[in-house]
Amino acid sequence: MTNDGPAQEYGPEELQATRQSLAQTIERLTARSPRVVTDVPGLALGRCEAPTEQTSHMYEPSLCLVAQGAKRVLLGEELYTYDADHYLIASVDLPIVAQIMEASPEKPFLGLVLKLDPKMISQLVVDSNLPMPRTQQTGRGMAVSKVTARLLGAFQRLLDLVDVPEDIPVLAPLIQREIVYRLLVGEQGPRLRQLGAVGTQSNQLAQAIDWLKKNFTHPLRVEELAAHARMSTSTFHRHFRELTAMSPLQFQKRLRLHEARRVMFTDHLDATSVALQVGYESSTQFNREYSRLFGAPPLRDIKGLRRKTEGAVATAQGMRGKEI
């Protein structure tokens, strides 16, 4: 079921015009800051004027849209590239490595992220009388698809609300429901219906991932995690890897390392203390795995992050000074 295709009602000129309008809006709204968390619930905007190095962080269930430029994401050993013609969707929480590939001062990278609400997805599946997925299906929790004019148009109307905050409480939920509906009846509809349908393997795995996120500092017992997902250990292992492109143990390591990096950056704690805090028993193992994931030992990596952050703040202040 894919009645969201631009070929049915929209030509390439209309698609391009909608994309350009979206890019202009994002560029205007990010003029004073490269990252803006809007008053629209779950909606954040980003701008970057140069290609970036690889950065590791967590993707929540979300839709990532590029109005200008290009970005790539590494999930496990799999690479996903998306640009102004494609969007990326994550249906579960996933630890990824991201990198902006195309950006310049003249043509900056412009993008947005909208968090997806599983409850809204489930309700829309019921309200729209969409076919439920088969319980035995499990697919990757991340995918890239072609954008459509209808989807871009809905995002443009959502962004327009940023300038009229009094309209957000009433209109934002309606437009967000439309966006989710466009996804459900599009190419990625089966993937999202898996997430929202109680009893499917993807839904059970999503619950196990949520449990793992909240308990990643504890020793991992896959048998208990499989029982939490109501699966046998072998079935859980197989479908967990299908969904996340990594094993449960690899997933836990990524969660620990992401949290360690965040704590060291924000709380100025030393690597040894943080290693114990996130569940490592050996600081040597922590340093080795941290360096493998982030490309540098903890101390050097955090110093580099702070330099980049200070540089971005200085640039933003310089831009504001020129405007004044």
Protein backbone atom coordinates (compact mmCIF):
# COMPACT_ATOMS: atom_id res chain seq x y z
CA MET A 1 0.00 0.00 0.00
CA THR A 2 1.90 3.07 -1.21
CA ASN A 3 -0.51 5.88 -2.09
CA ASP A 4 1.96 8.54 -1.00
CA GLY A 5 3.94 8.55 -4.22
CA PRO A 6 4.72 11.95 -5.84
CA ALA A 7 4.14 10.55 -9.33
CA GLN A 8 0.39 10.38 -8.75
CA GLU A 9 -0.30 14.07 -8.09
CA TYR A 10 3.01 15.91 -7.87
CA GLY A 11 5.57 16.57 -10.57
CA PRO A 12 9.33 17.07 -10.05
CA GLU A 13 8.92 20.87 -10.15
CA GLU A 14 6.48 20.86 -7.25
CA LEU A 15 8.66 18.46 -5.29
CA GLN A 16 11.70 20.70 -5.81
CA ALA A 17 9.76 23.84 -4.86
CA THR A 18 8.56 22.23 -1.63
CA ARG A 19 12.09 21.09 -0.81
CA GLN A 20 13.52 24.58 -1.42
CA SER A 21 10.86 26.14 0.80
CA LEU A 22 11.70 23.71 3.58
CA ALA A 23 15.43 24.45 3.22
CA GLN A 24 14.84 28.20 3.39
CA THR A 25 12.74 27.83 6.54
CA ILE A 26 15.33 25.64 8.30
CA GLU A 27 18.13 28.02 7.28
CA ARG A 28 16.23 30.98 8.71
CA LEU A 29 15.35 29.23 11.97
CA THR A 30 18.96 28.06 12.52
CA ALA A 31 20.58 31.41 11.65
CA ARG A 32 21.53 32.10 15.28
CA SER A 33 22.31 28.55 16.42
CA PRO A 34 23.42 25.42 14.52
CA ARG A 35 20.99 23.28 16.55
CA VAL A 36 17.49 24.33 17.52
CA VAL A 37 15.11 22.31 19.68
CA THR A 38 11.79 23.84 18.68
CA ASP A 39 8.67 24.37 20.76
CA VAL A 40 6.99 21.73 18.59
CA PRO A 41 7.24 18.53 20.69
CA GLY A 42 9.87 16.15 19.34
CA LEU A 43 11.08 18.45 16.53
CA ALA A 44 14.71 19.60 16.30
CA LEU A 45 16.57 21.40 13.50
CA GLY A 46 20.23 21.29 12.50
CA ARG A 47 22.62 23.31 10.37
CA CYS A 48 26.28 22.65 9.54
CA GLU A 49 28.60 24.61 7.25
CA ALA A 50 31.31 21.97 6.76
CA PRO A 51 31.58 18.18 6.58
CA THR A 52 32.05 16.63 10.02
CA GLU A 53 34.06 13.82 11.51
CA GLN A 54 32.27 10.69 12.65
CA THR A 55 30.29 11.15 15.86
CA SER A 56 28.62 8.42 17.92
CA HIS A 57 25.27 8.79 19.63
CA MET A 58 21.86 7.19 20.09
CA TYR A 59 18.98 7.49 17.63
CA GLU A 60 15.56 7.26 19.22
CA PRO A 61 12.58 6.16 17.10
CA SER A 62 12.55 9.07 14.68
CA LEU A 63 12.43 10.36 11.14
CA CYS A 64 15.49 12.25 9.89
CA LEU A 65 14.99 14.57 6.93
CA VAL A 66 17.58 16.53 4.92
CA ALA A 67 16.52 19.67 3.05
CA GLN A 68 20.05 20.38 1.78
CA GLY A 69 23.31 18.44 1.90
CA ALA A 70 23.93 14.77 2.70
CA LYS A 71 24.62 12.61 5.76
CA ARG A 72 25.55 9.01 6.40
CA VAL A 73 24.92 6.75 9.37
CA LEU A 74 26.74 3.57 10.36
CA LEU A 75 24.66 0.96 12.19
CA GLY A 76 26.85 -1.93 13.20
CA GLU A 77 28.73 -2.56 9.95
CA GLU A 78 25.95 -1.25 7.69
CA LEU A 79 26.05 2.17 6.02
CA TYR A 80 22.96 4.31 5.34
CA THR A 81 23.26 7.49 3.26
CA TYR A 82 20.46 10.04 2.93
CA ASP A 83 20.14 13.44 1.30
CA ALA A 84 17.51 15.89 0.03
CA ASP A 85 15.88 13.10 -1.99
CA HIS A 86 15.75 10.55 0.83
CA TYR A 87 14.76 10.35 4.48
CA LEU A 88 16.08 8.01 7.16
CA ILE A 89 13.80 6.31 9.65
CA ALA A 90 14.73 4.57 12.90
CA SER A 91 11.96 2.45 14.37
CA VAL A 92 13.76 1.55 17.65
CA ASP A 93 16.52 3.02 19.83
CA LEU A 94 19.81 2.39 18.04
CA PRO A 95 23.47 3.31 18.78
CA ILE A 96 24.92 4.75 15.57
CA VAL A 97 27.91 6.59 14.12
CA ALA A 98 26.92 9.63 12.02
CA GLN A 99 28.79 11.92 9.65
CA ILE A 100 27.70 14.93 7.56
CA MET A 101 29.16 14.47 4.09
CA GLU A 102 28.02 17.52 2.09
CA ALA A 103 28.06 20.99 3.62
CA SER A 104 29.66 24.39 2.98
CA PRO A 105 29.19 28.03 4.09
CA GLU A 106 27.52 28.77 0.75
CA LYS A 107 25.34 25.66 0.86
CA PRO A 108 25.09 24.43 4.47
CA PHE A 109 23.72 21.11 5.54
CA LEU A 110 20.12 21.66 6.67
CA GLY A 111 18.12 18.94 8.34
CA LEU A 112 15.51 18.08 10.92
CA VAL A 113 14.63 15.22 13.25
CA LEU A 114 11.13 14.32 14.40
CA LYS A 115 10.75 11.79 17.21
CA LEU A 116 8.16 9.10 16.55
CA ASP A 117 5.63 8.12 19.20
CA PRO A 118 4.89 4.36 19.18
CA LYS A 119 1.52 5.00 20.86
CA MET A 120 0.52 7.38 18.06
CA ILE A 121 1.61 4.79 15.50
CA SER A 122 -0.48 2.09 17.16
CA GLN A 123 -3.54 4.33 17.37
CA LEU A 124 -3.24 5.41 13.73
CA VAL A 125 -2.97 1.80 12.58
CA VAL A 126 -6.27 1.13 14.32
CA ASP A 127 -7.97 4.37 13.27
CA SER A 128 -6.94 3.97 9.64
CA ASN A 129 -7.90 0.29 9.47
CA LEU A 130 -4.47 -0.57 8.11
CA PRO A 131 -3.51 -4.24 7.80
CA MET A 132 -1.61 -5.55 10.80
CA PRO A 133 1.84 -7.06 10.18
CA ARG A 134 2.48 -10.76 10.54
CA THR A 135 3.88 -11.64 13.97
CA GLN A 136 6.81 -13.62 12.58
CA GLN A 137 8.22 -10.68 10.63
CA THR A 138 11.40 -8.98 11.83
CA GLY A 139 13.38 -6.46 9.82
CA ARG A 140 16.16 -3.96 10.32
CA GLY A 141 15.26 -1.10 12.67
CA MET A 142 16.63 1.49 10.24
CA ALA A 143 15.94 2.26 6.58
CA VAL A 144 16.22 4.94 3.90
CA SER A 145 13.37 5.84 1.52
CA LYS A 146 12.53 8.43 -1.14
CA VAL A 147 10.86 11.60 0.09
CA THR A 148 7.51 12.69 -1.33
CA ALA A 149 5.96 16.10 -1.85
CA ARG A 150 3.14 15.25 0.55
CA LEU A 151 5.61 14.38 3.31
CA LEU A 152 7.69 17.52 2.71
CA GLY A 153 4.55 19.65 2.61
CA ALA A 154 3.44 18.32 5.98
CA PHE A 155 6.85 19.11 7.47
CA GLN A 156 6.71 22.61 6.03
CA ARG A 157 3.38 23.22 7.77
CA LEU A 158 4.85 21.82 11.00
CA LEU A 159 7.80 24.20 10.76
CA ASP A 160 5.49 27.13 10.05
CA LEU A 161 4.09 26.64 13.56
CA VAL A 162 7.44 27.64 15.09
CA ASP A 163 6.59 31.26 14.23
CA VAL A 164 3.13 31.03 15.82
CA PRO A 165 3.72 29.18 19.10
CA GLU A 166 0.15 29.76 20.29
CA ASP A 167 -1.03 27.41 17.50
CA ILE A 168 1.35 24.57 18.43
CA PRO A 169 -0.76 22.83 21.12
CA VAL A 170 -3.74 22.46 18.77
CA LEU A 171 -2.23 22.10 15.29
CA ALA A 172 1.09 20.31 15.89
CA PRO A 173 -0.50 17.00 16.98
CA LEU A 174 -2.73 17.03 13.88
CA ILE A 175 0.19 17.59 11.50
CA GLN A 176 2.34 15.02 13.30
CA ARG A 177 -0.46 12.49 12.90
CA GLU A 178 -0.53 13.29 9.19
CA ILE A 179 3.24 12.74 8.94
CA VAL A 180 2.98 9.39 10.70
CA TYR A 181 0.05 8.46 8.45
CA ARG A 182 2.12 9.29 5.35
CA LEU A 183 4.80 6.97 6.66
CA LEU A 184 2.35 4.20 7.49
CA VAL A 185 0.88 4.14 3.97
CA GLY A 186 4.29 4.54 2.33
CA GLU A 187 7.25 2.25 1.72
CA GLN A 188 8.19 2.07 5.41
CA GLY A 189 4.65 1.40 6.62
CA PRO A 190 5.22 -2.31 7.41
CA ARG A 191 8.31 -1.43 9.44
CA LEU A 192 6.40 1.08 11.57
CA ARG A 193 3.40 -1.19 11.96
CA GLN A 194 5.77 -3.81 13.36
CA LEU A 195 6.88 -1.31 15.99
CA GLY A 196 3.35 -0.37 17.02
CA ALA A 197 1.69 -3.78 16.91
CA VAL A 198 1.62 -5.52 20.28
CA GLY A 199 2.71 -9.14 20.02
CA THR A 200 4.99 -8.79 16.99
CA GLN A 201 8.62 -9.76 17.38
CA SER A 202 9.74 -6.20 16.58
CA ASN A 203 7.49 -4.85 19.33
CA GLN A 204 8.77 -7.43 21.82
CA LEU A 205 12.36 -6.64 20.88
CA ALA A 206 11.68 -2.90 21.25
CA GLN A 207 10.53 -3.58 24.81
CA ALA A 208 13.70 -5.59 25.48
CA ILE A 209 15.83 -2.74 24.09
CA ASP A 210 14.01 -0.29 26.34
CA TRP A 211 14.77 -2.54 29.32
CA LEU A 212 18.41 -2.80 28.25
CA LYS A 213 18.67 1.01 28.00
CA LYS A 214 17.53 1.35 31.60
CA ASN A 215 19.75 -1.47 32.94
CA PHE A 216 22.89 -1.38 30.79
CA THR A 217 25.21 -0.93 33.79
CA HIS A 218 24.32 -4.40 35.09
CA PRO A 219 25.91 -7.64 33.82
CA LEU A 220 24.12 -8.86 30.70
CA ARG A 221 22.28 -12.16 30.96
CA VAL A 222 20.89 -12.83 27.52
CA GLU A 223 18.62 -15.58 28.85
CA GLU A 224 16.84 -13.07 31.10
CA LEU A 225 16.61 -10.51 28.30
CA ALA A 226 15.16 -13.14 25.97
CA ALA A 227 12.60 -14.08 28.61
CA HIS A 228 11.70 -10.39 28.93
CA ALA A 229 10.97 -10.44 25.17
CA ARG A 230 9.07 -13.73 25.55
CA MET A 231 11.42 -15.59 23.18
CA SER A 232 13.84 -18.47 23.38
CA THR A 233 17.48 -17.46 23.69
CA SER A 234 18.38 -18.58 20.15
CA THR A 235 15.34 -16.85 18.61
CA PHE A 236 16.04 -13.68 20.57
CA HIS A 237 19.69 -13.60 19.46
CA ARG A 238 18.74 -14.04 15.81
CA HIS A 239 15.97 -11.43 15.72
CA PHE A 240 17.86 -8.94 17.87
CA ARG A 241 20.69 -8.96 15.33
CA GLU A 242 18.21 -8.66 12.47
CA LEU A 243 16.67 -5.58 14.07
CA THR A 244 19.81 -3.80 15.33
CA ALA A 245 22.64 -5.17 13.13
CA MET A 246 24.55 -6.17 16.28
CA SER A 247 24.45 -8.69 19.09
CA PRO A 248 22.92 -7.88 22.51
CA LEU A 249 26.43 -7.71 24.00
CA GLN A 250 27.62 -5.28 21.31
CA PHE A 251 24.50 -3.20 21.84
CA GLN A 252 25.15 -3.03 25.59
CA LYS A 253 28.76 -1.96 25.00
CA ARG A 254 27.58 0.88 22.75
CA LEU A 255 25.11 2.04 25.40
CA ARG A 256 27.83 2.02 28.06
CA LEU A 257 30.34 3.88 25.91
CA HIS A 258 27.83 6.52 24.78
CA GLU A 259 26.87 7.19 28.40
CA ALA A 260 30.51 7.29 29.48
CA ARG A 261 31.30 9.88 26.82
CA ARG A 262 28.33 12.01 27.84
CA VAL A 263 29.23 11.91 31.53
CA MET A 264 32.90 12.73 30.95
CA PHE A 265 31.97 15.66 28.74
CA THR A 266 29.25 17.16 30.96
CA ASP A 267 30.42 16.23 34.48
CA HIS A 268 34.22 16.42 33.97
CA LEU A 269 34.83 13.02 35.55
CA ASP A 270 37.95 10.93 34.89
CA ALA A 271 37.84 7.84 32.69
CA THR A 272 38.48 5.33 35.47
CA SER A 273 35.57 6.58 37.60
CA VAL A 274 33.23 6.68 34.61
CA ALA A 275 34.23 3.19 33.48
CA LEU A 276 33.09 1.76 36.82
CA GLN A 277 29.97 3.91 36.79
CA VAL A 278 28.74 2.54 33.44
CA GLY A 279 29.45 -1.10 34.33
CA TYR A 280 33.05 -1.86 33.32
CA GLU A 281 35.17 -3.87 35.73
CA SER A 282 38.42 -3.16 33.86
CA SER A 283 39.55 0.38 32.99
CA THR A 284 41.98 -1.13 30.46
CA GLN A 285 39.14 -2.82 28.61
CA PHE A 286 37.10 0.39 28.80
CA ASN A 287 39.93 2.47 27.28
CA ARG A 288 40.47 -0.09 24.53
CA GLU A 289 36.79 -0.30 23.55
CA TYR A 290 36.31 3.47 23.87
CA SER A 291 39.25 4.14 21.52
CA ARG A 292 37.93 1.59 19.03
CA LEU A 293 34.51 3.25 18.90
CA PHE A 294 35.40 6.94 19.10
CA GLY A 295 38.81 6.88 17.41
CA ALA A 296 40.82 8.22 20.36
CA PRO A 297 41.45 7.48 24.07
CA PRO A 298 38.92 9.05 26.46
CA LEU A 299 40.99 12.05 27.60
CA ARG A 300 42.07 13.04 24.09
CA ASP A 301 38.58 12.51 22.68
CA ILE A 302 36.87 14.67 25.33
CA LYS A 303 39.44 17.45 24.89
CA GLY A 304 38.75 17.39 21.16
CA LEU A 305 34.99 17.56 21.75
CA ARG A 306 35.40 20.59 24.01
CA ARG A 307 37.55 22.39 21.45
CA LYS A 308 34.93 21.80 18.76
CA THR A 309 32.13 22.98 21.05
CA GLU A 310 34.01 26.13 22.01
CA GLY A 311 34.72 26.81 18.33
CA ALA A 312 31.05 26.42 17.40
CA VAL A 313 30.00 28.78 20.20
CA ALA A 314 32.58 31.37 19.11
CA THR A 315 31.36 31.15 15.50
CA ALA A 316 27.74 31.60 16.56
CA GLN A 317 28.65 34.62 18.69
CA GLY A 318 30.54 36.08 15.78
CA MET A 319 27.52 35.68 13.53
CA ARG A 320 25.30 37.42 16.08
CA GLY A 321 27.83 40.24 16.35
CA LYS A 322 27.74 40.83 12.61
CA GLU A 323 23.94 40.94 12.65
CA ILE A 324 23.98 43.53 15.43
